[in-house]
């Protein structure tokens, strides 16, 4: 991760103007603003490096991620940034500030073809919009998706932290994705009551889950 530690200090400049036979000098304070970024992106506005600004000047910052990365947050002297998670930010120069744009490698986006299943998962993880990443699913241990008119449970194979899964009263026939979920095992519970299960689901997949110690109700 590339980052630099730069010592900065405010400077007071005297601006002198001739008035008649006299000279009037007004002190003006200027501050330094070093801008850095981590691997995966850059600050395109204003650019990176150290710049000096008069006190009170409003500075605009824009962070841009490289392909395969995403902007995460601003760090450093961020008490003057309204939203550290927004890639576009402004700073009012009332002191010496050092700011770093932080990026991280993008995870694979999880796709749930059944929008009703996706809606149930979003409710459970507290993420109403935006891409769903594997890290969003790490804390998902219980999912209640009963009576949600779900017909396709593809994507549940990625919810490997599940210990309780309620899918009853839906139109699910093929439960092979549950078998593909390596996290389902001894003592975990899966409720498929009143679902339209296929013969393969009943005679093959449920037996495979039960052999792993999963408690299956159907």
N, C-alpha and C. Protein backbone atom coordinates (compact mmCIF):
# COMPACT_ATOMS: atom_id res chain seq x y z
N UNK A 1 0.84 -1.18 0.00
CA UNK A 1 0.00 0.00 0.00
C UNK A 1 0.88 1.24 0.00
N UNK A 2 0.74 2.08 -1.00
CA UNK A 2 1.61 3.23 -1.07
C UNK A 2 1.06 4.37 -0.24
N UNK A 3 1.85 4.93 0.59
CA UNK A 3 1.45 6.08 1.37
C UNK A 3 2.70 6.81 1.80
N UNK A 4 2.57 8.09 2.05
CA UNK A 4 3.71 8.91 2.43
C UNK A 4 3.34 9.69 3.68
N UNK A 5 4.32 9.91 4.56
CA UNK A 5 4.14 10.73 5.74
C UNK A 5 4.89 12.03 5.48
N UNK A 6 4.16 13.13 5.40
CA UNK A 6 4.75 14.41 5.03
C UNK A 6 4.52 15.41 6.15
N UNK A 7 5.58 16.03 6.62
CA UNK A 7 5.47 17.05 7.66
C UNK A 7 5.06 18.37 7.01
N UNK A 8 4.06 19.03 7.58
CA UNK A 8 3.59 20.28 7.01
C UNK A 8 3.49 21.33 8.09
N UNK A 9 3.47 22.57 7.70
CA UNK A 9 3.36 23.66 8.66
C UNK A 9 2.71 24.84 7.99
N UNK A 10 1.89 25.58 8.74
CA UNK A 10 1.25 26.76 8.18
C UNK A 10 2.26 27.88 8.04
N UNK A 11 2.02 28.75 7.10
CA UNK A 11 2.92 29.87 6.82
C UNK A 11 2.09 31.14 6.79
N UNK A 12 2.58 32.17 7.43
CA UNK A 12 1.92 33.46 7.38
C UNK A 12 2.68 34.35 6.41
N UNK A 13 1.98 34.86 5.43
CA UNK A 13 2.58 35.70 4.40
C UNK A 13 2.08 37.13 4.57
N UNK A 14 2.97 38.08 4.45
CA UNK A 14 2.60 39.49 4.50
C UNK A 14 2.36 39.99 3.09
N UNK A 15 1.16 40.47 2.84
CA UNK A 15 0.83 41.07 1.56
C UNK A 15 0.85 42.59 1.74
N UNK A 16 1.76 43.23 1.05
CA UNK A 16 1.96 44.67 1.24
C UNK A 16 1.47 45.43 0.02
N UNK A 17 0.74 46.51 0.28
CA UNK A 17 0.18 47.33 -0.79
C UNK A 17 0.55 48.79 -0.52
N UNK A 18 1.05 49.45 -1.54
CA UNK A 18 1.40 50.86 -1.37
C UNK A 18 0.17 51.74 -1.40
N UNK A 19 0.04 52.61 -0.38
CA UNK A 19 -1.08 53.55 -0.30
C UNK A 19 -0.48 54.94 -0.13
N UNK A 20 -0.50 55.73 -1.19
CA UNK A 20 0.13 57.05 -1.12
C UNK A 20 1.62 56.90 -0.85
N UNK A 21 2.09 57.58 0.22
CA UNK A 21 3.50 57.50 0.59
C UNK A 21 3.78 56.42 1.63
N UNK A 22 2.72 55.61 1.93
CA UNK A 22 2.89 54.59 2.96
C UNK A 22 2.65 53.20 2.36
N UNK A 23 3.06 52.21 3.10
CA UNK A 23 2.87 50.82 2.70
C UNK A 23 2.09 50.09 3.78
N UNK A 24 0.97 49.46 3.39
CA UNK A 24 0.15 48.70 4.34
C UNK A 24 0.36 47.21 4.10
N UNK A 25 0.66 46.50 5.16
CA UNK A 25 0.90 45.05 5.06
C UNK A 25 -0.16 44.28 5.82
N UNK A 26 -0.80 43.31 5.15
CA UNK A 26 -1.83 42.49 5.78
C UNK A 26 -1.35 41.04 5.84
N UNK A 27 -1.32 40.47 7.04
CA UNK A 27 -0.88 39.08 7.14
C UNK A 27 -1.92 38.12 6.57
N UNK A 28 -1.49 37.17 5.76
CA UNK A 28 -2.37 36.15 5.20
C UNK A 28 -1.79 34.78 5.55
N UNK A 29 -2.61 33.91 6.12
CA UNK A 29 -2.15 32.58 6.50
C UNK A 29 -2.39 31.59 5.37
N UNK A 30 -1.38 30.80 5.06
CA UNK A 30 -1.53 29.76 4.04
C UNK A 30 -1.23 28.41 4.68
N UNK A 31 -1.88 27.38 4.14
CA UNK A 31 -1.75 26.04 4.69
C UNK A 31 -1.37 25.04 3.59
N UNK A 32 -0.70 23.98 4.01
CA UNK A 32 -0.32 22.92 3.08
C UNK A 32 -1.35 21.79 3.10
N UNK A 33 -1.56 21.19 1.92
CA UNK A 33 -2.47 20.07 1.78
C UNK A 33 -1.79 18.97 0.96
N UNK A 34 -1.12 18.01 1.62
CA UNK A 34 -0.60 16.85 0.89
C UNK A 34 -1.70 15.83 0.63
N UNK A 35 -1.76 15.32 -0.61
CA UNK A 35 -2.80 14.37 -1.01
C UNK A 35 -2.12 13.11 -1.52
N UNK A 36 -2.54 11.96 -0.98
CA UNK A 36 -1.99 10.65 -1.36
C UNK A 36 -3.11 9.70 -1.78
N UNK A 37 -2.72 8.55 -2.28
CA UNK A 37 -3.68 7.47 -2.53
C UNK A 37 -3.00 6.14 -2.30
N UNK A 38 -3.80 5.12 -2.00
CA UNK A 38 -3.28 3.77 -1.88
C UNK A 38 -3.31 3.10 -3.25
N UNK A 39 -2.82 1.89 -3.33
CA UNK A 39 -2.84 1.14 -4.59
C UNK A 39 -4.28 0.93 -5.04
N UNK A 40 -4.53 1.12 -6.33
CA UNK A 40 -5.85 0.85 -6.86
C UNK A 40 -6.58 2.06 -7.38
N UNK A 41 -5.97 3.23 -7.30
CA UNK A 41 -6.65 4.42 -7.77
C UNK A 41 -5.82 5.66 -7.55
N UNK A 42 -6.41 6.80 -7.86
CA UNK A 42 -5.69 8.06 -7.71
C UNK A 42 -6.68 9.19 -7.45
N UNK A 43 -6.16 10.30 -6.99
CA UNK A 43 -6.98 11.50 -6.81
C UNK A 43 -6.82 12.31 -8.08
N UNK A 44 -7.85 12.30 -8.91
CA UNK A 44 -7.76 12.96 -10.22
C UNK A 44 -7.97 14.46 -10.11
N UNK A 45 -8.69 14.88 -9.12
CA UNK A 45 -8.87 16.31 -8.83
C UNK A 45 -8.58 16.50 -7.36
N UNK A 46 -7.62 17.15 -7.00
CA UNK A 46 -6.67 18.05 -7.63
C UNK A 46 -5.45 17.36 -8.21
N UNK A 47 -5.34 16.08 -8.10
CA UNK A 47 -4.08 15.42 -8.35
C UNK A 47 -3.38 15.18 -7.02
N UNK A 48 -2.29 14.44 -7.07
CA UNK A 48 -1.59 14.09 -5.84
C UNK A 48 -0.34 14.94 -5.65
N UNK A 49 0.14 14.98 -4.41
CA UNK A 49 1.27 15.83 -4.07
C UNK A 49 0.85 16.87 -3.04
N UNK A 50 1.72 17.81 -2.76
CA UNK A 50 1.44 18.83 -1.75
C UNK A 50 1.20 20.18 -2.43
N UNK A 51 0.09 20.80 -2.04
CA UNK A 51 -0.24 22.13 -2.54
C UNK A 51 -0.50 23.07 -1.37
N UNK A 52 -0.36 24.35 -1.62
CA UNK A 52 -0.52 25.37 -0.59
C UNK A 52 -1.70 26.27 -0.94
N UNK A 53 -2.53 26.57 0.06
CA UNK A 53 -3.73 27.36 -0.17
C UNK A 53 -3.88 28.44 0.90
N UNK A 54 -4.50 29.54 0.49
CA UNK A 54 -4.83 30.59 1.46
C UNK A 54 -5.90 30.07 2.42
N UNK A 55 -5.89 30.60 3.60
CA UNK A 55 -6.89 30.24 4.60
C UNK A 55 -8.29 30.52 4.08
N UNK A 56 -9.20 29.55 4.29
CA UNK A 56 -10.60 29.71 3.89
C UNK A 56 -10.93 29.24 2.49
N UNK A 57 -9.92 28.89 1.69
CA UNK A 57 -10.17 28.41 0.33
C UNK A 57 -10.85 27.04 0.39
N UNK A 58 -11.86 26.83 -0.45
CA UNK A 58 -12.55 25.54 -0.54
C UNK A 58 -11.90 24.72 -1.66
N UNK A 59 -11.44 23.53 -1.31
CA UNK A 59 -10.74 22.66 -2.26
C UNK A 59 -11.62 21.45 -2.59
N UNK A 60 -11.75 21.15 -3.88
CA UNK A 60 -12.52 19.99 -4.33
C UNK A 60 -11.60 18.80 -4.57
N UNK A 61 -12.03 17.62 -4.12
CA UNK A 61 -11.27 16.39 -4.31
C UNK A 61 -12.15 15.35 -5.01
N UNK A 62 -11.56 14.65 -5.97
CA UNK A 62 -12.26 13.55 -6.64
C UNK A 62 -11.32 12.36 -6.71
N UNK A 63 -11.76 11.22 -6.15
CA UNK A 63 -10.97 9.98 -6.19
C UNK A 63 -11.54 9.07 -7.27
N UNK A 64 -10.66 8.48 -8.06
CA UNK A 64 -11.10 7.60 -9.14
C UNK A 64 -10.38 6.27 -9.06
N UNK A 65 -11.15 5.18 -9.02
CA UNK A 65 -10.58 3.84 -8.89
C UNK A 65 -10.13 3.31 -10.24
N UNK A 66 -9.09 2.48 -10.21
CA UNK A 66 -8.66 1.77 -11.41
C UNK A 66 -9.58 0.57 -11.64
N UNK A 67 -9.49 -0.02 -12.81
CA UNK A 67 -10.31 -1.19 -13.12
C UNK A 67 -9.99 -2.32 -12.14
N UNK A 68 -11.03 -2.91 -11.58
CA UNK A 68 -10.85 -4.00 -10.62
C UNK A 68 -10.73 -3.54 -9.19
N UNK A 69 -10.80 -2.22 -8.97
CA UNK A 69 -10.74 -1.67 -7.62
C UNK A 69 -11.94 -0.75 -7.38
N UNK A 70 -12.18 -0.42 -6.12
CA UNK A 70 -13.23 0.54 -5.79
C UNK A 70 -12.74 1.46 -4.69
N UNK A 71 -13.27 2.67 -4.71
CA UNK A 71 -12.93 3.63 -3.66
C UNK A 71 -13.61 3.20 -2.36
N UNK A 72 -12.87 3.31 -1.24
CA UNK A 72 -13.42 2.92 0.07
C UNK A 72 -13.69 4.14 0.93
N UNK A 73 -12.65 4.94 1.18
CA UNK A 73 -12.83 6.09 2.07
C UNK A 73 -11.61 7.00 2.02
N UNK A 74 -11.83 8.22 2.54
CA UNK A 74 -10.74 9.16 2.78
C UNK A 74 -10.24 8.96 4.21
N UNK A 75 -8.94 8.99 4.41
CA UNK A 75 -8.38 8.91 5.75
C UNK A 75 -7.39 10.06 5.93
N UNK A 76 -6.97 10.23 7.17
CA UNK A 76 -6.08 11.34 7.51
C UNK A 76 -6.84 12.36 8.32
N UNK A 77 -6.71 13.62 7.98
CA UNK A 77 -7.42 14.69 8.68
C UNK A 77 -8.81 14.84 8.09
N UNK A 78 -9.67 13.87 8.40
CA UNK A 78 -10.97 13.79 7.72
C UNK A 78 -12.11 14.42 8.52
N UNK A 79 -11.78 15.06 9.62
CA UNK A 79 -12.84 15.70 10.40
C UNK A 79 -13.52 16.82 9.64
N UNK A 80 -12.87 17.32 8.58
CA UNK A 80 -13.43 18.42 7.80
C UNK A 80 -14.12 17.92 6.53
N UNK A 81 -14.23 16.59 6.35
CA UNK A 81 -14.92 16.01 5.19
C UNK A 81 -16.28 15.51 5.64
N UNK A 82 -17.33 15.95 4.94
CA UNK A 82 -18.70 15.62 5.34
C UNK A 82 -18.97 14.12 5.27
N UNK A 83 -18.53 13.46 4.19
CA UNK A 83 -18.78 12.03 4.01
C UNK A 83 -17.50 11.37 3.53
N UNK A 84 -16.81 10.68 4.42
CA UNK A 84 -15.50 10.09 4.08
C UNK A 84 -15.64 8.94 3.09
N UNK A 85 -16.85 8.41 2.91
CA UNK A 85 -17.05 7.28 2.00
C UNK A 85 -17.43 7.72 0.59
N UNK A 86 -17.59 9.02 0.39
CA UNK A 86 -17.94 9.53 -0.94
C UNK A 86 -16.66 9.87 -1.71
N UNK A 87 -16.60 9.47 -2.98
CA UNK A 87 -15.40 9.70 -3.77
C UNK A 87 -15.20 11.17 -4.11
N UNK A 88 -16.26 11.97 -4.03
CA UNK A 88 -16.17 13.41 -4.27
C UNK A 88 -16.30 14.12 -2.93
N UNK A 89 -15.33 14.97 -2.60
CA UNK A 89 -15.32 15.62 -1.29
C UNK A 89 -14.82 17.05 -1.43
N UNK A 90 -15.11 17.87 -0.43
CA UNK A 90 -14.59 19.24 -0.37
C UNK A 90 -13.94 19.48 0.98
N UNK A 91 -12.94 20.34 0.97
CA UNK A 91 -12.21 20.70 2.19
C UNK A 91 -12.09 22.22 2.24
N UNK A 92 -12.41 22.80 3.38
CA UNK A 92 -12.17 24.22 3.59
C UNK A 92 -10.86 24.36 4.35
N UNK A 93 -9.91 25.08 3.77
CA UNK A 93 -8.56 25.15 4.31
C UNK A 93 -8.47 26.11 5.50
N UNK A 94 -8.68 25.54 6.68
CA UNK A 94 -8.53 26.30 7.92
C UNK A 94 -7.41 25.73 8.78
N UNK A 95 -6.54 24.96 8.18
CA UNK A 95 -5.42 24.36 8.89
C UNK A 95 -4.60 23.52 7.92
N UNK A 96 -3.53 22.95 8.43
CA UNK A 96 -2.72 22.02 7.63
C UNK A 96 -3.40 20.65 7.68
N UNK A 97 -3.72 20.10 6.52
CA UNK A 97 -4.40 18.82 6.46
C UNK A 97 -3.62 17.86 5.56
N UNK A 98 -3.68 16.59 5.90
CA UNK A 98 -3.09 15.53 5.08
C UNK A 98 -4.19 14.51 4.80
N UNK A 99 -4.43 14.23 3.51
CA UNK A 99 -5.55 13.39 3.11
C UNK A 99 -5.07 12.25 2.22
N UNK A 100 -5.61 11.05 2.46
CA UNK A 100 -5.30 9.88 1.63
C UNK A 100 -6.59 9.25 1.11
N UNK A 101 -6.63 8.98 -0.19
CA UNK A 101 -7.75 8.24 -0.79
C UNK A 101 -7.42 6.75 -0.73
N UNK A 102 -8.32 5.97 -0.15
CA UNK A 102 -8.09 4.54 0.03
C UNK A 102 -8.96 3.72 -0.93
N UNK A 103 -8.32 2.75 -1.58
CA UNK A 103 -9.00 1.87 -2.52
C UNK A 103 -8.78 0.42 -2.11
N UNK A 104 -9.68 -0.45 -2.55
CA UNK A 104 -9.48 -1.88 -2.33
C UNK A 104 -9.94 -2.64 -3.56
N UNK A 105 -9.39 -3.83 -3.70
CA UNK A 105 -9.74 -4.65 -4.86
C UNK A 105 -11.18 -5.08 -4.77
N UNK A 106 -11.88 -4.96 -5.89
CA UNK A 106 -13.30 -5.31 -5.90
C UNK A 106 -13.50 -6.82 -5.76
N UNK A 107 -14.49 -7.17 -4.99
CA UNK A 107 -14.88 -8.57 -4.88
C UNK A 107 -15.82 -8.91 -6.03
N UNK A 108 -16.02 -10.19 -6.24
CA UNK A 108 -17.02 -10.61 -7.21
C UNK A 108 -18.40 -10.20 -6.71
N UNK A 109 -19.20 -9.70 -7.60
CA UNK A 109 -20.56 -9.30 -7.24
C UNK A 109 -21.45 -10.54 -7.23
N UNK A 110 -22.20 -10.73 -6.14
CA UNK A 110 -23.09 -11.87 -6.02
C UNK A 110 -24.39 -11.62 -6.78
N UNK A 111 -24.77 -12.57 -7.60
CA UNK A 111 -25.98 -12.44 -8.41
C UNK A 111 -27.04 -13.41 -7.89
N UNK A 112 -28.25 -12.88 -7.67
CA UNK A 112 -29.41 -13.70 -7.29
C UNK A 112 -30.47 -13.50 -8.38
N UNK A 113 -30.59 -14.45 -9.31
CA UNK A 113 -31.52 -14.28 -10.44
C UNK A 113 -32.96 -14.04 -10.01
N UNK A 114 -33.37 -14.66 -8.89
CA UNK A 114 -34.74 -14.47 -8.40
C UNK A 114 -34.79 -13.19 -7.57
N UNK A 115 -35.51 -12.20 -8.06
CA UNK A 115 -35.55 -10.89 -7.40
C UNK A 115 -36.21 -10.97 -6.03
N UNK A 116 -37.11 -11.92 -5.85
CA UNK A 116 -37.75 -12.07 -4.53
C UNK A 116 -36.77 -12.61 -3.51
N UNK A 117 -35.91 -13.54 -3.94
CA UNK A 117 -34.86 -14.03 -3.04
C UNK A 117 -33.87 -12.92 -2.74
N UNK A 118 -33.50 -12.16 -3.76
CA UNK A 118 -32.58 -11.04 -3.54
C UNK A 118 -33.15 -10.04 -2.54
N UNK A 119 -34.45 -9.76 -2.66
CA UNK A 119 -35.08 -8.82 -1.73
C UNK A 119 -35.02 -9.34 -0.30
N UNK A 120 -35.24 -10.64 -0.11
CA UNK A 120 -35.19 -11.22 1.23
C UNK A 120 -33.77 -11.14 1.80
N UNK A 121 -32.78 -11.37 0.96
CA UNK A 121 -31.39 -11.30 1.41
C UNK A 121 -31.01 -9.87 1.75
N UNK A 122 -31.43 -8.92 0.92
CA UNK A 122 -31.12 -7.52 1.20
C UNK A 122 -31.72 -7.09 2.54
N UNK A 123 -32.92 -7.53 2.83
CA UNK A 123 -33.54 -7.21 4.12
C UNK A 123 -32.71 -7.80 5.26
N UNK A 124 -32.24 -9.04 5.07
CA UNK A 124 -31.51 -9.73 6.13
C UNK A 124 -30.15 -9.11 6.39
N UNK A 125 -29.49 -8.62 5.34
CA UNK A 125 -28.14 -8.04 5.53
C UNK A 125 -28.18 -6.53 5.69
N UNK A 126 -29.36 -5.94 5.57
CA UNK A 126 -29.49 -4.50 5.76
C UNK A 126 -28.85 -3.68 4.66
N UNK A 127 -28.96 -4.16 3.41
CA UNK A 127 -28.38 -3.44 2.27
C UNK A 127 -29.45 -3.32 1.18
N UNK A 128 -30.25 -2.26 1.24
CA UNK A 128 -31.37 -2.14 0.30
C UNK A 128 -30.99 -1.93 -1.15
N UNK A 129 -29.79 -1.43 -1.42
CA UNK A 129 -29.38 -1.23 -2.80
C UNK A 129 -27.86 -1.31 -2.90
N UNK A 130 -27.39 -1.33 -4.13
CA UNK A 130 -25.95 -1.45 -4.37
C UNK A 130 -25.56 -2.90 -4.57
N UNK A 131 -24.37 -3.14 -5.14
CA UNK A 131 -23.91 -4.52 -5.36
C UNK A 131 -23.81 -5.29 -4.05
N UNK A 132 -24.08 -6.58 -4.11
CA UNK A 132 -23.90 -7.46 -2.96
C UNK A 132 -22.59 -8.22 -3.16
N UNK A 133 -21.68 -8.06 -2.19
CA UNK A 133 -20.37 -8.70 -2.27
C UNK A 133 -20.30 -9.88 -1.30
N UNK A 134 -19.38 -10.81 -1.49
CA UNK A 134 -19.24 -11.93 -0.55
C UNK A 134 -19.10 -11.46 0.90
N UNK A 135 -18.40 -10.35 1.11
CA UNK A 135 -18.24 -9.84 2.48
C UNK A 135 -19.56 -9.43 3.10
N UNK A 136 -20.55 -9.03 2.27
CA UNK A 136 -21.87 -8.67 2.80
C UNK A 136 -22.60 -9.89 3.34
N UNK A 137 -22.24 -11.07 2.85
CA UNK A 137 -22.94 -12.30 3.23
C UNK A 137 -22.28 -13.03 4.39
N UNK A 138 -21.11 -12.56 4.80
CA UNK A 138 -20.36 -13.28 5.84
C UNK A 138 -21.11 -13.37 7.16
N UNK A 139 -21.88 -12.34 7.50
CA UNK A 139 -22.61 -12.34 8.76
C UNK A 139 -24.02 -12.87 8.67
N UNK A 140 -24.40 -13.38 7.50
CA UNK A 140 -25.76 -13.88 7.31
C UNK A 140 -25.86 -15.31 7.81
N UNK A 141 -26.35 -15.48 9.03
CA UNK A 141 -26.47 -16.80 9.63
C UNK A 141 -27.89 -17.35 9.60
N UNK A 142 -28.87 -16.46 9.46
CA UNK A 142 -30.26 -16.90 9.43
C UNK A 142 -31.00 -16.12 8.35
N UNK A 143 -31.77 -16.84 7.54
CA UNK A 143 -32.54 -16.20 6.47
C UNK A 143 -33.96 -16.74 6.48
N UNK A 144 -34.92 -15.84 6.68
CA UNK A 144 -36.34 -16.20 6.63
C UNK A 144 -36.90 -15.68 5.30
N UNK A 145 -37.08 -16.61 4.36
CA UNK A 145 -37.63 -16.26 3.05
C UNK A 145 -38.89 -17.06 2.77
N UNK A 146 -39.66 -17.31 3.83
CA UNK A 146 -40.92 -18.05 3.69
C UNK A 146 -41.94 -17.21 2.93
N UNK A 147 -42.73 -17.89 2.10
CA UNK A 147 -43.85 -17.25 1.40
C UNK A 147 -43.43 -15.98 0.67
N UNK A 148 -42.35 -16.07 -0.11
CA UNK A 148 -41.88 -14.90 -0.86
C UNK A 148 -42.02 -15.10 -2.37
N UNK A 149 -42.74 -16.13 -2.77
CA UNK A 149 -42.94 -16.41 -4.20
C UNK A 149 -41.61 -16.61 -4.92
N UNK A 150 -40.71 -17.33 -4.26
CA UNK A 150 -39.38 -17.61 -4.82
C UNK A 150 -39.43 -18.90 -5.62
N UNK A 151 -38.88 -18.86 -6.83
CA UNK A 151 -38.85 -20.07 -7.66
C UNK A 151 -37.43 -20.52 -7.97
N UNK A 152 -36.45 -19.65 -7.73
CA UNK A 152 -35.05 -19.98 -8.04
C UNK A 152 -34.18 -19.55 -6.85
N UNK A 153 -33.49 -20.50 -6.25
CA UNK A 153 -32.68 -20.16 -5.08
C UNK A 153 -31.19 -20.11 -5.42
N UNK A 154 -30.88 -19.98 -6.72
CA UNK A 154 -29.49 -19.82 -7.15
C UNK A 154 -28.86 -18.62 -6.45
N UNK A 155 -27.68 -18.80 -5.97
CA UNK A 155 -26.99 -17.76 -5.22
C UNK A 155 -26.83 -18.11 -3.76
N UNK A 156 -27.72 -18.97 -3.25
CA UNK A 156 -27.62 -19.37 -1.85
C UNK A 156 -26.38 -20.22 -1.58
N UNK A 157 -25.78 -20.75 -2.64
CA UNK A 157 -24.55 -21.52 -2.44
C UNK A 157 -23.41 -20.63 -1.92
N UNK A 158 -23.57 -19.31 -2.08
CA UNK A 158 -22.54 -18.38 -1.60
C UNK A 158 -22.78 -17.91 -0.16
N UNK A 159 -23.93 -18.25 0.38
CA UNK A 159 -24.27 -17.83 1.75
C UNK A 159 -23.78 -18.91 2.72
N UNK A 160 -22.48 -19.00 2.87
CA UNK A 160 -21.87 -20.12 3.56
C UNK A 160 -21.89 -20.01 5.08
N UNK A 161 -22.38 -18.89 5.61
CA UNK A 161 -22.47 -18.75 7.07
C UNK A 161 -23.83 -19.16 7.61
N UNK A 162 -24.75 -19.54 6.73
CA UNK A 162 -26.11 -19.87 7.15
C UNK A 162 -26.13 -21.08 8.08
N UNK A 163 -26.89 -20.94 9.15
CA UNK A 163 -27.18 -22.07 10.03
C UNK A 163 -28.68 -22.35 10.09
N UNK A 164 -29.47 -21.35 9.69
CA UNK A 164 -30.93 -21.49 9.66
C UNK A 164 -31.44 -20.90 8.35
N UNK A 165 -32.19 -21.71 7.60
CA UNK A 165 -32.70 -21.26 6.32
C UNK A 165 -34.15 -21.69 6.18
N UNK A 166 -35.02 -20.70 6.02
CA UNK A 166 -36.46 -20.97 5.93
C UNK A 166 -36.95 -20.59 4.54
N UNK A 167 -37.26 -21.62 3.72
CA UNK A 167 -37.66 -21.41 2.34
C UNK A 167 -39.04 -22.00 2.04
N UNK A 168 -39.78 -22.34 3.05
CA UNK A 168 -41.07 -22.99 2.85
C UNK A 168 -42.09 -22.10 2.16
N UNK A 169 -43.11 -22.77 1.58
CA UNK A 169 -44.22 -22.08 0.92
C UNK A 169 -43.75 -21.21 -0.23
N UNK A 170 -42.81 -21.74 -1.01
CA UNK A 170 -42.37 -21.08 -2.23
C UNK A 170 -42.53 -22.06 -3.40
N UNK A 171 -42.10 -21.63 -4.58
CA UNK A 171 -42.22 -22.47 -5.77
C UNK A 171 -40.88 -23.08 -6.17
N UNK A 172 -40.07 -23.41 -5.18
CA UNK A 172 -38.75 -23.97 -5.44
C UNK A 172 -38.86 -25.46 -5.73
N UNK A 173 -38.24 -25.89 -6.83
CA UNK A 173 -38.24 -27.32 -7.16
C UNK A 173 -36.83 -27.91 -7.07
N UNK A 174 -35.86 -27.18 -7.56
CA UNK A 174 -34.47 -27.66 -7.59
C UNK A 174 -33.69 -27.03 -6.45
N UNK A 175 -33.19 -27.87 -5.51
CA UNK A 175 -32.44 -27.33 -4.37
C UNK A 175 -30.96 -27.68 -4.45
N UNK A 176 -30.46 -27.91 -5.67
CA UNK A 176 -29.06 -28.31 -5.83
C UNK A 176 -28.09 -27.25 -5.30
N UNK A 177 -28.49 -25.97 -5.33
CA UNK A 177 -27.60 -24.91 -4.83
C UNK A 177 -27.32 -25.08 -3.34
N UNK A 178 -28.26 -25.68 -2.61
CA UNK A 178 -28.03 -25.91 -1.18
C UNK A 178 -26.96 -26.98 -0.98
N UNK A 179 -26.96 -27.97 -1.84
CA UNK A 179 -25.92 -28.99 -1.78
C UNK A 179 -24.56 -28.38 -2.11
N UNK A 180 -24.57 -27.38 -2.99
CA UNK A 180 -23.33 -26.72 -3.39
C UNK A 180 -22.83 -25.73 -2.35
N UNK A 181 -23.60 -25.51 -1.29
CA UNK A 181 -23.19 -24.60 -0.21
C UNK A 181 -22.34 -25.38 0.79
N UNK A 182 -21.02 -25.14 0.81
CA UNK A 182 -20.15 -25.93 1.69
C UNK A 182 -20.32 -25.59 3.17
N UNK A 183 -21.03 -24.50 3.44
CA UNK A 183 -21.20 -24.10 4.83
C UNK A 183 -22.31 -24.83 5.56
N UNK A 184 -23.22 -25.45 4.82
CA UNK A 184 -24.32 -26.18 5.45
C UNK A 184 -23.81 -27.53 5.93
N UNK A 185 -23.99 -27.77 7.24
CA UNK A 185 -23.47 -29.01 7.80
C UNK A 185 -24.17 -29.39 9.08
N UNK A 186 -23.48 -30.10 9.93
CA UNK A 186 -24.02 -30.69 11.15
C UNK A 186 -24.80 -29.69 11.99
N UNK A 187 -26.09 -30.02 12.22
CA UNK A 187 -26.93 -29.21 13.09
C UNK A 187 -27.60 -28.03 12.44
N UNK A 188 -27.23 -27.69 11.22
CA UNK A 188 -27.90 -26.58 10.52
C UNK A 188 -29.30 -27.01 10.11
N UNK A 189 -30.20 -26.01 10.01
CA UNK A 189 -31.61 -26.31 9.72
C UNK A 189 -32.04 -25.68 8.41
N UNK A 190 -32.74 -26.47 7.59
CA UNK A 190 -33.31 -25.99 6.33
C UNK A 190 -34.78 -26.39 6.30
N UNK A 191 -35.66 -25.39 6.15
CA UNK A 191 -37.10 -25.64 6.10
C UNK A 191 -37.59 -25.43 4.68
N UNK A 192 -38.08 -26.49 4.06
CA UNK A 192 -38.60 -26.44 2.69
C UNK A 192 -40.07 -26.83 2.64
N UNK A 193 -40.76 -26.69 3.74
CA UNK A 193 -42.15 -27.13 3.84
C UNK A 193 -43.05 -26.52 2.78
N UNK A 194 -43.91 -27.37 2.23
CA UNK A 194 -44.91 -26.95 1.23
C UNK A 194 -44.28 -26.33 -0.01
N UNK A 195 -43.10 -26.78 -0.37
CA UNK A 195 -42.47 -26.35 -1.62
C UNK A 195 -42.73 -27.39 -2.70
N UNK A 196 -42.64 -26.98 -3.94
CA UNK A 196 -42.90 -27.89 -5.07
C UNK A 196 -41.59 -28.56 -5.49
N UNK A 197 -41.09 -29.43 -4.63
CA UNK A 197 -39.77 -30.04 -4.84
C UNK A 197 -39.82 -31.10 -5.95
N UNK A 198 -38.75 -31.13 -6.75
CA UNK A 198 -38.63 -32.12 -7.81
C UNK A 198 -38.25 -33.47 -7.20
N UNK A 199 -38.38 -34.52 -8.01
CA UNK A 199 -38.00 -35.85 -7.55
C UNK A 199 -36.52 -35.89 -7.18
N UNK A 200 -35.67 -35.24 -7.97
CA UNK A 200 -34.24 -35.24 -7.66
C UNK A 200 -33.97 -34.54 -6.33
N UNK A 201 -34.71 -33.47 -6.07
CA UNK A 201 -34.51 -32.76 -4.81
C UNK A 201 -34.87 -33.65 -3.62
N UNK A 202 -35.96 -34.40 -3.76
CA UNK A 202 -36.41 -35.25 -2.66
C UNK A 202 -35.54 -36.50 -2.52
N UNK A 203 -35.22 -37.12 -3.64
CA UNK A 203 -34.55 -38.42 -3.59
C UNK A 203 -33.02 -38.35 -3.62
N UNK A 204 -32.48 -37.20 -3.99
CA UNK A 204 -31.02 -37.08 -4.08
C UNK A 204 -30.49 -35.96 -3.19
N UNK A 205 -30.94 -34.73 -3.45
CA UNK A 205 -30.33 -33.58 -2.79
C UNK A 205 -30.61 -33.52 -1.29
N UNK A 206 -31.86 -33.82 -0.91
CA UNK A 206 -32.18 -33.80 0.52
C UNK A 206 -31.38 -34.87 1.25
N UNK A 207 -31.25 -36.04 0.64
CA UNK A 207 -30.47 -37.11 1.27
C UNK A 207 -29.00 -36.71 1.41
N UNK A 208 -28.48 -35.99 0.43
CA UNK A 208 -27.09 -35.53 0.51
C UNK A 208 -26.90 -34.52 1.65
N UNK A 209 -27.87 -33.63 1.81
CA UNK A 209 -27.81 -32.67 2.91
C UNK A 209 -27.91 -33.38 4.26
N UNK A 210 -28.82 -34.32 4.35
CA UNK A 210 -28.98 -35.06 5.61
C UNK A 210 -27.74 -35.86 5.94
N UNK A 211 -27.07 -36.37 4.95
CA UNK A 211 -25.83 -37.12 5.19
C UNK A 211 -24.74 -36.24 5.78
N UNK A 212 -24.84 -34.92 5.55
CA UNK A 212 -23.88 -33.97 6.12
C UNK A 212 -24.32 -33.48 7.49
N UNK A 213 -25.45 -33.98 7.97
CA UNK A 213 -25.93 -33.59 9.29
C UNK A 213 -26.91 -32.44 9.28
N UNK A 214 -27.32 -32.00 8.09
CA UNK A 214 -28.29 -30.90 7.98
C UNK A 214 -29.69 -31.43 8.33
N UNK A 215 -30.40 -30.68 9.13
CA UNK A 215 -31.78 -31.04 9.50
C UNK A 215 -32.70 -30.42 8.45
N UNK A 216 -33.34 -31.25 7.62
CA UNK A 216 -34.17 -30.76 6.53
C UNK A 216 -35.63 -31.09 6.81
N UNK A 217 -36.47 -30.07 6.74
CA UNK A 217 -37.93 -30.26 6.88
C UNK A 217 -38.57 -29.96 5.54
N UNK A 218 -39.42 -30.89 5.10
CA UNK A 218 -40.09 -30.69 3.80
C UNK A 218 -41.42 -31.42 3.78
